[in-house]
Amino acid sequence: MTCSAIITCAGSGTRAGFEKNKLLQLYQNATILEKTIRVFLSCDFISELIVTTSQKDYDEFFKITQNICKNIKLIIGGNTRTDSVYNGLKACSKQVVLIHDGARPFVTSEVIENCYNSVVKYGSGIACVPCKDTVATEQNGEIIKCERSNKYLVQTPQGFLLKDILKAYSQISQEDSFTDDSGVY
């Protein structure tokens, strides 16, 4: 199955305490954006790469992406992550789409490939890691349960059949709030 990848990069970096988009920060002589893109370009099953950006960062992102690969589609994101992903989804043309937070440059090609293979086999795939910390459940100001077994931290990439995730995104309202695409799905 053909595969698109969307790398979401339209944030401002203010939550991280930066004065500009955190993907423009340098790490080992390259921007976080460059490192993230290169991992996805190393996966030969991905035939379309889309990067979402804010209007403010467009010119800088354009220079960076064009220096890496001329075929990267640069799409203006939205006011929220959900809006940005939806804009990216509407630009996809392949059967499978992998959605990844650009601020996660240490994802491996193996994790990306496993996510893609899960979509091909099951219709979706979500990168998760087992929870190493104990998770406390609170109710009315009191801790009622502490555990870590059977708990996973959801990460990206998250993959779906394009038609299914587009349908899910088309059914949510502007008032809905989601932290990731598996929640929308």
N, C-alpha and C. Protein backbone atom coordinates (compact mmCIF):
# COMPACT_ATOMS: atom_id res chain seq x y z
N MET A 1 0.85 -1.18 0.00
CA MET A 1 0.00 0.00 0.00
C MET A 1 0.89 1.24 0.00
N THR A 2 0.48 2.25 -0.74
CA THR A 2 1.25 3.48 -0.80
C THR A 2 1.10 4.27 0.49
N CYS A 3 2.14 5.05 0.83
CA CYS A 3 2.17 5.69 2.15
C CYS A 3 2.59 7.15 2.09
N SER A 4 1.80 7.99 2.77
CA SER A 4 2.15 9.39 3.02
C SER A 4 2.58 9.51 4.47
N ALA A 5 3.39 10.50 4.76
CA ALA A 5 3.72 10.83 6.15
C ALA A 5 3.51 12.32 6.33
N ILE A 6 2.85 12.66 7.44
CA ILE A 6 2.67 14.06 7.81
C ILE A 6 3.52 14.31 9.04
N ILE A 7 4.35 15.32 8.98
CA ILE A 7 5.13 15.74 10.15
C ILE A 7 4.55 17.08 10.59
N THR A 8 3.98 17.10 11.80
CA THR A 8 3.33 18.31 12.30
C THR A 8 4.37 19.22 12.95
N CYS A 9 4.41 20.47 12.46
CA CYS A 9 5.45 21.41 12.90
C CYS A 9 4.92 22.83 13.04
N ALA A 10 3.63 23.00 13.18
CA ALA A 10 3.05 24.35 13.15
C ALA A 10 3.01 25.03 14.51
N GLY A 11 3.60 24.43 15.54
CA GLY A 11 3.58 25.04 16.87
C GLY A 11 4.49 26.24 16.97
N SER A 12 4.43 26.90 18.12
CA SER A 12 5.22 28.12 18.32
C SER A 12 6.44 27.91 19.20
N GLY A 13 6.46 26.87 20.02
CA GLY A 13 7.58 26.62 20.91
C GLY A 13 7.48 27.33 22.25
N THR A 14 6.38 28.05 22.49
CA THR A 14 6.26 28.81 23.74
C THR A 14 6.13 27.90 24.96
N ARG A 15 5.41 26.77 24.84
CA ARG A 15 5.30 25.84 25.97
C ARG A 15 6.66 25.30 26.37
N ALA A 16 7.56 25.16 25.41
CA ALA A 16 8.91 24.66 25.69
C ALA A 16 9.84 25.77 26.17
N GLY A 17 9.34 27.00 26.18
CA GLY A 17 10.13 28.13 26.66
C GLY A 17 11.04 28.74 25.60
N PHE A 18 10.80 28.45 24.32
CA PHE A 18 11.61 29.01 23.25
C PHE A 18 10.96 30.26 22.66
N GLU A 19 11.78 31.10 22.09
CA GLU A 19 11.26 32.31 21.45
C GLU A 19 10.81 32.05 20.02
N LYS A 20 11.17 30.89 19.49
CA LYS A 20 10.72 30.53 18.14
C LYS A 20 10.39 29.05 18.13
N ASN A 21 9.86 28.57 17.03
CA ASN A 21 9.44 27.18 16.88
C ASN A 21 10.57 26.23 17.33
N LYS A 22 10.24 25.30 18.21
CA LYS A 22 11.26 24.39 18.75
C LYS A 22 11.89 23.52 17.67
N LEU A 23 11.23 23.32 16.54
CA LEU A 23 11.81 22.52 15.47
C LEU A 23 12.94 23.24 14.75
N LEU A 24 13.08 24.55 15.00
CA LEU A 24 14.16 25.32 14.40
C LEU A 24 15.39 25.38 15.32
N GLN A 25 15.28 24.76 16.49
CA GLN A 25 16.42 24.71 17.42
C GLN A 25 17.48 23.76 16.86
N LEU A 26 18.74 24.09 17.11
CA LEU A 26 19.83 23.24 16.64
C LEU A 26 20.13 22.14 17.66
N TYR A 27 20.40 20.97 17.13
CA TYR A 27 20.86 19.84 17.93
C TYR A 27 21.89 19.09 17.09
N GLN A 28 23.10 19.01 17.55
CA GLN A 28 24.19 18.34 16.83
C GLN A 28 24.29 18.85 15.39
N ASN A 29 24.37 20.15 15.23
CA ASN A 29 24.61 20.83 13.95
C ASN A 29 23.48 20.72 12.93
N ALA A 30 22.30 20.38 13.37
CA ALA A 30 21.14 20.36 12.47
C ALA A 30 19.91 20.76 13.28
N THR A 31 18.90 21.25 12.59
CA THR A 31 17.67 21.58 13.30
C THR A 31 16.91 20.30 13.64
N ILE A 32 16.06 20.40 14.63
CA ILE A 32 15.19 19.27 14.99
C ILE A 32 14.36 18.87 13.77
N LEU A 33 13.89 19.86 13.01
CA LEU A 33 13.11 19.59 11.79
C LEU A 33 13.91 18.71 10.83
N GLU A 34 15.16 19.07 10.57
CA GLU A 34 15.97 18.28 9.65
C GLU A 34 16.14 16.84 10.13
N LYS A 35 16.42 16.67 11.41
CA LYS A 35 16.62 15.33 11.96
C LYS A 35 15.36 14.48 11.82
N THR A 36 14.22 15.07 12.11
CA THR A 36 12.96 14.34 12.01
C THR A 36 12.67 13.95 10.56
N ILE A 37 12.82 14.89 9.65
CA ILE A 37 12.56 14.63 8.23
C ILE A 37 13.46 13.51 7.71
N ARG A 38 14.72 13.56 8.05
CA ARG A 38 15.68 12.56 7.52
C ARG A 38 15.33 11.13 7.93
N VAL A 39 14.80 10.95 9.13
CA VAL A 39 14.40 9.60 9.55
C VAL A 39 13.28 9.10 8.64
N PHE A 40 12.30 9.96 8.35
CA PHE A 40 11.19 9.54 7.50
C PHE A 40 11.63 9.31 6.06
N LEU A 41 12.55 10.13 5.58
CA LEU A 41 13.06 9.93 4.21
C LEU A 41 13.85 8.65 4.07
N SER A 42 14.36 8.11 5.19
CA SER A 42 15.12 6.85 5.12
C SER A 42 14.20 5.64 4.95
N CYS A 43 12.91 5.83 5.07
CA CYS A 43 11.94 4.72 4.94
C CYS A 43 11.46 4.66 3.49
N ASP A 44 11.89 3.64 2.77
CA ASP A 44 11.60 3.58 1.33
C ASP A 44 10.12 3.34 1.00
N PHE A 45 9.30 2.95 1.95
CA PHE A 45 7.88 2.72 1.69
C PHE A 45 7.07 4.03 1.74
N ILE A 46 7.68 5.11 2.22
CA ILE A 46 7.00 6.41 2.26
C ILE A 46 7.27 7.12 0.94
N SER A 47 6.21 7.39 0.20
CA SER A 47 6.38 8.02 -1.10
C SER A 47 5.88 9.46 -1.15
N GLU A 48 5.36 9.97 -0.03
CA GLU A 48 4.90 11.35 0.02
C GLU A 48 5.15 11.88 1.43
N LEU A 49 5.84 13.01 1.52
CA LEU A 49 6.13 13.61 2.82
C LEU A 49 5.54 15.02 2.86
N ILE A 50 4.73 15.25 3.89
CA ILE A 50 4.04 16.53 4.08
C ILE A 50 4.47 17.10 5.42
N VAL A 51 4.83 18.37 5.43
CA VAL A 51 5.21 19.05 6.66
C VAL A 51 4.23 20.20 6.87
N THR A 52 3.61 20.25 8.06
CA THR A 52 2.73 21.38 8.37
C THR A 52 3.54 22.44 9.11
N THR A 53 3.29 23.69 8.79
CA THR A 53 4.00 24.80 9.39
C THR A 53 3.06 25.98 9.60
N SER A 54 3.46 26.88 10.45
CA SER A 54 2.70 28.12 10.60
C SER A 54 3.08 29.07 9.47
N GLN A 55 2.23 30.03 9.21
CA GLN A 55 2.54 31.04 8.20
C GLN A 55 3.82 31.78 8.59
N LYS A 56 3.98 32.05 9.87
CA LYS A 56 5.15 32.78 10.39
C LYS A 56 6.46 32.06 10.07
N ASP A 57 6.47 30.73 10.15
CA ASP A 57 7.70 29.96 9.94
C ASP A 57 7.85 29.44 8.50
N TYR A 58 6.88 29.74 7.65
CA TYR A 58 6.85 29.14 6.31
C TYR A 58 8.17 29.32 5.55
N ASP A 59 8.66 30.54 5.47
CA ASP A 59 9.86 30.80 4.66
C ASP A 59 11.08 30.02 5.17
N GLU A 60 11.25 30.00 6.49
CA GLU A 60 12.39 29.28 7.07
C GLU A 60 12.23 27.77 6.85
N PHE A 61 11.02 27.25 7.04
CA PHE A 61 10.77 25.83 6.80
C PHE A 61 10.96 25.48 5.33
N PHE A 62 10.54 26.38 4.45
CA PHE A 62 10.69 26.14 3.01
C PHE A 62 12.16 25.96 2.66
N LYS A 63 13.02 26.85 3.16
CA LYS A 63 14.46 26.74 2.88
C LYS A 63 15.02 25.41 3.37
N ILE A 64 14.67 25.06 4.60
CA ILE A 64 15.19 23.81 5.19
C ILE A 64 14.71 22.60 4.41
N THR A 65 13.41 22.52 4.14
CA THR A 65 12.88 21.33 3.45
C THR A 65 13.41 21.22 2.03
N GLN A 66 13.54 22.34 1.32
CA GLN A 66 14.04 22.29 -0.05
C GLN A 66 15.50 21.87 -0.11
N ASN A 67 16.27 22.19 0.92
CA ASN A 67 17.67 21.74 0.97
C ASN A 67 17.77 20.24 1.21
N ILE A 68 16.76 19.66 1.83
CA ILE A 68 16.78 18.22 2.11
C ILE A 68 16.21 17.43 0.94
N CYS A 69 15.05 17.85 0.45
CA CYS A 69 14.36 17.13 -0.62
C CYS A 69 13.35 18.06 -1.28
N LYS A 70 13.43 18.18 -2.57
CA LYS A 70 12.55 19.11 -3.32
C LYS A 70 11.09 18.65 -3.34
N ASN A 71 10.83 17.37 -3.04
CA ASN A 71 9.47 16.83 -3.15
C ASN A 71 8.64 16.92 -1.87
N ILE A 72 9.16 17.56 -0.84
CA ILE A 72 8.39 17.69 0.40
C ILE A 72 7.31 18.74 0.20
N LYS A 73 6.06 18.37 0.56
CA LYS A 73 4.95 19.32 0.49
C LYS A 73 4.90 20.09 1.80
N LEU A 74 4.88 21.40 1.70
CA LEU A 74 4.78 22.26 2.87
C LEU A 74 3.38 22.84 2.91
N ILE A 75 2.66 22.56 4.00
CA ILE A 75 1.25 22.94 4.13
C ILE A 75 1.11 23.85 5.35
N ILE A 76 0.32 24.91 5.21
CA ILE A 76 0.04 25.79 6.35
C ILE A 76 -0.89 25.04 7.31
N GLY A 77 -0.48 25.02 8.59
CA GLY A 77 -1.27 24.35 9.62
C GLY A 77 -2.44 25.20 10.06
N GLY A 78 -2.92 24.93 11.25
CA GLY A 78 -4.06 25.67 11.78
C GLY A 78 -3.78 26.20 13.17
N ASN A 79 -4.83 26.62 13.84
CA ASN A 79 -4.69 27.18 15.19
C ASN A 79 -4.40 26.12 16.23
N THR A 80 -4.75 24.87 15.95
CA THR A 80 -4.51 23.77 16.88
C THR A 80 -3.80 22.64 16.13
N ARG A 81 -3.27 21.70 16.90
CA ARG A 81 -2.65 20.52 16.28
C ARG A 81 -3.67 19.78 15.42
N THR A 82 -4.89 19.66 15.94
CA THR A 82 -5.95 18.97 15.20
C THR A 82 -6.20 19.64 13.86
N ASP A 83 -6.29 20.97 13.85
CA ASP A 83 -6.48 21.70 12.59
C ASP A 83 -5.32 21.48 11.63
N SER A 84 -4.10 21.49 12.17
CA SER A 84 -2.92 21.31 11.33
C SER A 84 -2.89 19.92 10.69
N VAL A 85 -3.21 18.91 11.49
CA VAL A 85 -3.23 17.55 10.94
C VAL A 85 -4.30 17.44 9.86
N TYR A 86 -5.47 17.99 10.11
CA TYR A 86 -6.55 17.92 9.12
C TYR A 86 -6.13 18.59 7.81
N ASN A 87 -5.45 19.73 7.89
CA ASN A 87 -4.95 20.39 6.68
C ASN A 87 -3.95 19.48 5.96
N GLY A 88 -3.09 18.82 6.73
CA GLY A 88 -2.14 17.89 6.12
C GLY A 88 -2.82 16.69 5.50
N LEU A 89 -3.84 16.15 6.17
CA LEU A 89 -4.57 15.00 5.64
C LEU A 89 -5.22 15.33 4.30
N LYS A 90 -5.74 16.53 4.17
CA LYS A 90 -6.41 16.93 2.92
C LYS A 90 -5.42 17.04 1.77
N ALA A 91 -4.12 17.12 2.08
CA ALA A 91 -3.09 17.19 1.04
C ALA A 91 -2.52 15.82 0.68
N CYS A 92 -2.91 14.78 1.42
CA CYS A 92 -2.39 13.42 1.19
C CYS A 92 -3.02 12.79 -0.04
N SER A 93 -2.24 11.95 -0.71
CA SER A 93 -2.77 11.25 -1.89
C SER A 93 -2.54 9.74 -1.84
N LYS A 94 -1.98 9.23 -0.76
CA LYS A 94 -1.67 7.81 -0.67
C LYS A 94 -2.69 7.07 0.18
N GLN A 95 -2.66 5.74 0.18
CA GLN A 95 -3.65 4.93 0.89
C GLN A 95 -3.47 4.93 2.41
N VAL A 96 -2.22 4.95 2.84
CA VAL A 96 -1.87 4.92 4.26
C VAL A 96 -1.25 6.26 4.61
N VAL A 97 -1.55 6.75 5.82
CA VAL A 97 -0.90 7.97 6.29
C VAL A 97 -0.35 7.74 7.69
N LEU A 98 0.88 8.17 7.88
CA LEU A 98 1.52 8.16 9.19
C LEU A 98 1.62 9.60 9.65
N ILE A 99 1.20 9.88 10.88
CA ILE A 99 1.21 11.24 11.41
C ILE A 99 2.19 11.28 12.57
N HIS A 100 3.12 12.24 12.51
CA HIS A 100 4.20 12.29 13.49
C HIS A 100 4.42 13.71 13.99
N ASP A 101 4.65 13.85 15.29
CA ASP A 101 4.98 15.14 15.86
C ASP A 101 6.43 15.46 15.51
N GLY A 102 6.62 16.58 14.85
CA GLY A 102 7.95 16.96 14.39
C GLY A 102 8.97 17.11 15.51
N ALA A 103 8.50 17.37 16.72
CA ALA A 103 9.40 17.56 17.86
C ALA A 103 9.87 16.24 18.46
N ARG A 104 9.68 15.15 17.75
CA ARG A 104 10.17 13.83 18.19
C ARG A 104 11.19 13.32 17.17
N PRO A 105 12.41 13.90 17.18
CA PRO A 105 13.40 13.54 16.16
C PRO A 105 14.09 12.21 16.38
N PHE A 106 13.89 11.60 17.55
CA PHE A 106 14.61 10.36 17.86
C PHE A 106 13.83 9.10 17.52
N VAL A 107 12.71 9.25 16.83
CA VAL A 107 11.98 8.08 16.36
C VAL A 107 12.90 7.30 15.41
N THR A 108 12.76 5.99 15.42
CA THR A 108 13.62 5.17 14.55
C THR A 108 12.84 4.72 13.31
N SER A 109 13.58 4.37 12.29
CA SER A 109 12.94 3.85 11.09
C SER A 109 12.21 2.54 11.40
N GLU A 110 12.70 1.79 12.38
CA GLU A 110 12.03 0.55 12.78
C GLU A 110 10.65 0.83 13.37
N VAL A 111 10.54 1.83 14.24
CA VAL A 111 9.24 2.21 14.81
C VAL A 111 8.30 2.68 13.70
N ILE A 112 8.80 3.47 12.78
CA ILE A 112 7.99 3.96 11.66
C ILE A 112 7.50 2.79 10.82
N GLU A 113 8.39 1.87 10.50
CA GLU A 113 8.02 0.70 9.70
C GLU A 113 7.01 -0.19 10.42
N ASN A 114 7.20 -0.39 11.72
CA ASN A 114 6.24 -1.19 12.49
C ASN A 114 4.86 -0.55 12.48
N CYS A 115 4.80 0.77 12.59
CA CYS A 115 3.53 1.48 12.55
C CYS A 115 2.87 1.28 11.18
N TYR A 116 3.63 1.45 10.12
CA TYR A 116 3.12 1.25 8.76
C TYR A 116 2.60 -0.19 8.59
N ASN A 117 3.39 -1.18 9.02
CA ASN A 117 2.98 -2.58 8.89
C ASN A 117 1.70 -2.87 9.66
N SER A 118 1.52 -2.24 10.80
CA SER A 118 0.30 -2.41 11.59
C SER A 118 -0.91 -1.86 10.82
N VAL A 119 -0.72 -0.72 10.18
CA VAL A 119 -1.83 -0.14 9.39
C VAL A 119 -2.20 -1.08 8.25
N VAL A 120 -1.21 -1.60 7.55
CA VAL A 120 -1.47 -2.52 6.44
C VAL A 120 -2.21 -3.76 6.93
N LYS A 121 -1.83 -4.28 8.08
CA LYS A 121 -2.42 -5.51 8.59
C LYS A 121 -3.76 -5.29 9.30
N TYR A 122 -3.86 -4.22 10.10
CA TYR A 122 -5.02 -4.03 10.97
C TYR A 122 -5.87 -2.79 10.67
N GLY A 123 -5.36 -1.86 9.86
CA GLY A 123 -6.10 -0.63 9.56
C GLY A 123 -5.65 0.57 10.36
N SER A 124 -4.87 0.35 11.41
CA SER A 124 -4.30 1.46 12.19
C SER A 124 -3.07 0.95 12.94
N GLY A 125 -2.26 1.89 13.41
CA GLY A 125 -1.09 1.55 14.19
C GLY A 125 -0.66 2.73 15.01
N ILE A 126 -0.37 2.50 16.28
CA ILE A 126 -0.01 3.58 17.19
C ILE A 126 1.30 3.20 17.89
N ALA A 127 2.29 4.08 17.85
CA ALA A 127 3.53 3.84 18.57
C ALA A 127 3.28 4.10 20.06
N CYS A 128 3.62 3.14 20.89
CA CYS A 128 3.45 3.25 22.35
C CYS A 128 4.68 2.67 23.03
N VAL A 129 4.94 3.16 24.24
CA VAL A 129 6.00 2.58 25.07
C VAL A 129 5.39 2.23 26.42
N PRO A 130 5.85 1.12 27.02
CA PRO A 130 5.33 0.75 28.34
C PRO A 130 5.64 1.85 29.36
N CYS A 131 4.71 2.09 30.24
CA CYS A 131 4.86 3.09 31.28
C CYS A 131 5.83 2.57 32.33
N LYS A 132 6.90 3.30 32.59
CA LYS A 132 7.89 2.89 33.60
C LYS A 132 7.58 3.51 34.96
N ASP A 133 6.87 4.61 34.95
CA ASP A 133 6.49 5.27 36.20
C ASP A 133 5.15 4.72 36.67
N THR A 134 4.92 4.81 37.95
CA THR A 134 3.62 4.42 38.50
C THR A 134 2.62 5.52 38.18
N VAL A 135 1.43 5.13 37.77
CA VAL A 135 0.37 6.07 37.44
C VAL A 135 -0.64 6.06 38.58
N ALA A 136 -0.95 7.24 39.08
CA ALA A 136 -1.92 7.37 40.17
C ALA A 136 -3.25 7.83 39.59
N THR A 137 -4.33 7.22 40.06
CA THR A 137 -5.68 7.64 39.68
C THR A 137 -6.29 8.38 40.85
N GLU A 138 -6.79 9.58 40.57
CA GLU A 138 -7.34 10.44 41.60
C GLU A 138 -8.86 10.51 41.47
N GLN A 139 -9.52 10.62 42.60
CA GLN A 139 -10.96 10.82 42.61
C GLN A 139 -11.30 11.68 43.82
N ASN A 140 -11.94 12.79 43.58
CA ASN A 140 -12.32 13.72 44.66
C ASN A 140 -11.14 14.11 45.54
N GLY A 141 -9.99 14.34 44.92
CA GLY A 141 -8.83 14.80 45.66
C GLY A 141 -8.04 13.71 46.37
N GLU A 142 -8.41 12.47 46.21
CA GLU A 142 -7.71 11.37 46.86
C GLU A 142 -7.20 10.38 45.82
N ILE A 143 -6.02 9.85 46.08
CA ILE A 143 -5.47 8.80 45.23
C ILE A 143 -6.20 7.51 45.56
N ILE A 144 -6.82 6.90 44.53
CA ILE A 144 -7.58 5.68 44.77
C ILE A 144 -6.90 4.44 44.19
N LYS A 145 -5.90 4.65 43.33
CA LYS A 145 -5.24 3.48 42.73
C LYS A 145 -3.88 3.92 42.19
N CYS A 146 -2.89 3.08 42.37
CA CYS A 146 -1.56 3.30 41.81
C CYS A 146 -1.13 2.03 41.08
N GLU A 147 -0.69 2.19 39.84
CA GLU A 147 -0.23 1.03 39.08
C GLU A 147 0.55 1.45 37.86
N ARG A 148 1.22 0.51 37.24
CA ARG A 148 1.88 0.76 35.96
C ARG A 148 1.70 -0.41 35.00
N SER A 149 1.24 -1.55 35.52
CA SER A 149 1.02 -2.69 34.63
C SER A 149 -0.12 -2.35 33.69
N ASN A 150 -0.04 -2.82 32.49
CA ASN A 150 -1.05 -2.59 31.46
C ASN A 150 -1.17 -1.13 31.04
N LYS A 151 -0.20 -0.28 31.39
CA LYS A 151 -0.25 1.14 31.03
C LYS A 151 0.81 1.42 29.97
N TYR A 152 0.42 2.19 28.96
CA TYR A 152 1.33 2.57 27.89
C TYR A 152 1.24 4.06 27.64
N LEU A 153 2.36 4.64 27.22
CA LEU A 153 2.40 6.04 26.83
C LEU A 153 2.26 6.10 25.32
N VAL A 154 1.25 6.79 24.85
CA VAL A 154 0.99 6.89 23.41
C VAL A 154 1.92 7.94 22.82
N GLN A 155 2.58 7.59 21.73
CA GLN A 155 3.50 8.49 21.06
C GLN A 155 3.14 8.58 19.58
N THR A 156 4.05 9.07 18.79
CA THR A 156 3.88 9.09 17.34
C THR A 156 5.11 8.43 16.74
N PRO A 157 4.96 7.87 15.52
CA PRO A 157 3.86 8.08 14.59
C PRO A 157 2.61 7.28 14.96
N GLN A 158 1.51 7.79 14.42
CA GLN A 158 0.23 7.10 14.49
C GLN A 158 -0.23 6.96 13.04
N GLY A 159 -0.61 5.74 12.66
CA GLY A 159 -0.92 5.48 11.27
C GLY A 159 -2.34 4.98 11.07
N PHE A 160 -2.88 5.30 9.90
CA PHE A 160 -4.26 4.96 9.58
C PHE A 160 -4.41 4.80 8.07
N LEU A 161 -5.47 4.13 7.67
CA LEU A 161 -5.87 4.20 6.27
C LEU A 161 -6.39 5.62 6.06
N LEU A 162 -5.93 6.27 5.01
CA LEU A 162 -6.28 7.68 4.79
C LEU A 162 -7.78 7.90 4.79
N LYS A 163 -8.52 7.04 4.12
CA LYS A 163 -9.98 7.24 4.04
C LYS A 163 -10.63 7.19 5.41
N ASP A 164 -10.13 6.36 6.31
CA ASP A 164 -10.72 6.22 7.64
C ASP A 164 -10.41 7.41 8.54
N ILE A 165 -9.17 7.88 8.52
CA ILE A 165 -8.82 9.01 9.40
C ILE A 165 -9.42 10.31 8.85
N LEU A 166 -9.53 10.44 7.55
CA LEU A 166 -10.21 11.62 6.99
C LEU A 166 -11.68 11.64 7.40
N LYS A 167 -12.31 10.48 7.38
CA LYS A 167 -13.71 10.39 7.81
C LYS A 167 -13.84 10.78 9.28
N ALA A 168 -12.93 10.29 10.12
CA ALA A 168 -12.97 10.62 11.55
C ALA A 168 -12.80 12.12 11.76
N TYR A 169 -11.84 12.72 11.06
CA TYR A 169 -11.61 14.16 11.20
C TYR A 169 -12.80 14.97 10.70
N SER A 170 -13.47 14.48 9.68
CA SER A 170 -14.61 15.24 9.13
C SER A 170 -15.81 15.21 10.07
N GLN A 171 -15.82 14.30 11.05
CA GLN A 171 -16.96 14.16 11.95
C GLN A 171 -16.80 14.89 13.28
N ILE A 172 -15.64 15.50 13.53
CA ILE A 172 -15.46 16.21 14.79
C ILE A 172 -15.83 17.69 14.61
N SER A 173 -16.13 18.34 15.72
CA SER A 173 -16.48 19.76 15.65
C SER A 173 -15.31 20.61 16.13
N GLN A 174 -15.37 21.90 15.88
CA GLN A 174 -14.31 22.81 16.31
C GLN A 174 -14.17 22.84 17.83
N GLU A 175 -15.24 22.53 18.53
CA GLU A 175 -15.21 22.54 20.00
C GLU A 175 -14.53 21.31 20.58
N ASP A 176 -14.43 20.23 19.79
CA ASP A 176 -13.79 19.02 20.27
C ASP A 176 -12.30 19.28 20.49
N SER A 177 -11.74 18.65 21.52
CA SER A 177 -10.33 18.82 21.84
C SER A 177 -9.65 17.46 21.86
N PHE A 178 -8.58 17.33 21.09
CA PHE A 178 -7.85 16.07 21.01
C PHE A 178 -6.36 16.34 21.16
N THR A 179 -5.67 15.46 21.84
CA THR A 179 -4.23 15.60 21.99
C THR A 179 -3.46 14.81 20.93
N ASP A 180 -4.14 13.87 20.29
CA ASP A 180 -3.49 13.12 19.23
C ASP A 180 -4.51 12.53 18.28
N ASP A 181 -4.04 11.88 17.26
CA ASP A 181 -4.91 11.38 16.19
C ASP A 181 -5.64 10.11 16.55
N SER A 182 -5.08 9.31 17.46
CA SER A 182 -5.78 8.11 17.88
C SER A 182 -7.06 8.49 18.62
N GLY A 183 -7.06 9.61 19.31
CA GLY A 183 -8.26 10.11 19.98
C GLY A 183 -9.32 10.50 18.98
N VAL A 184 -8.93 11.11 17.89
CA VAL A 184 -9.88 11.47 16.83
C VAL A 184 -10.44 10.21 16.20
N TYR A 185 -9.56 9.25 15.94
CA TYR A 185 -9.94 8.00 15.28
C TYR A 185 -10.90 7.20 16.13
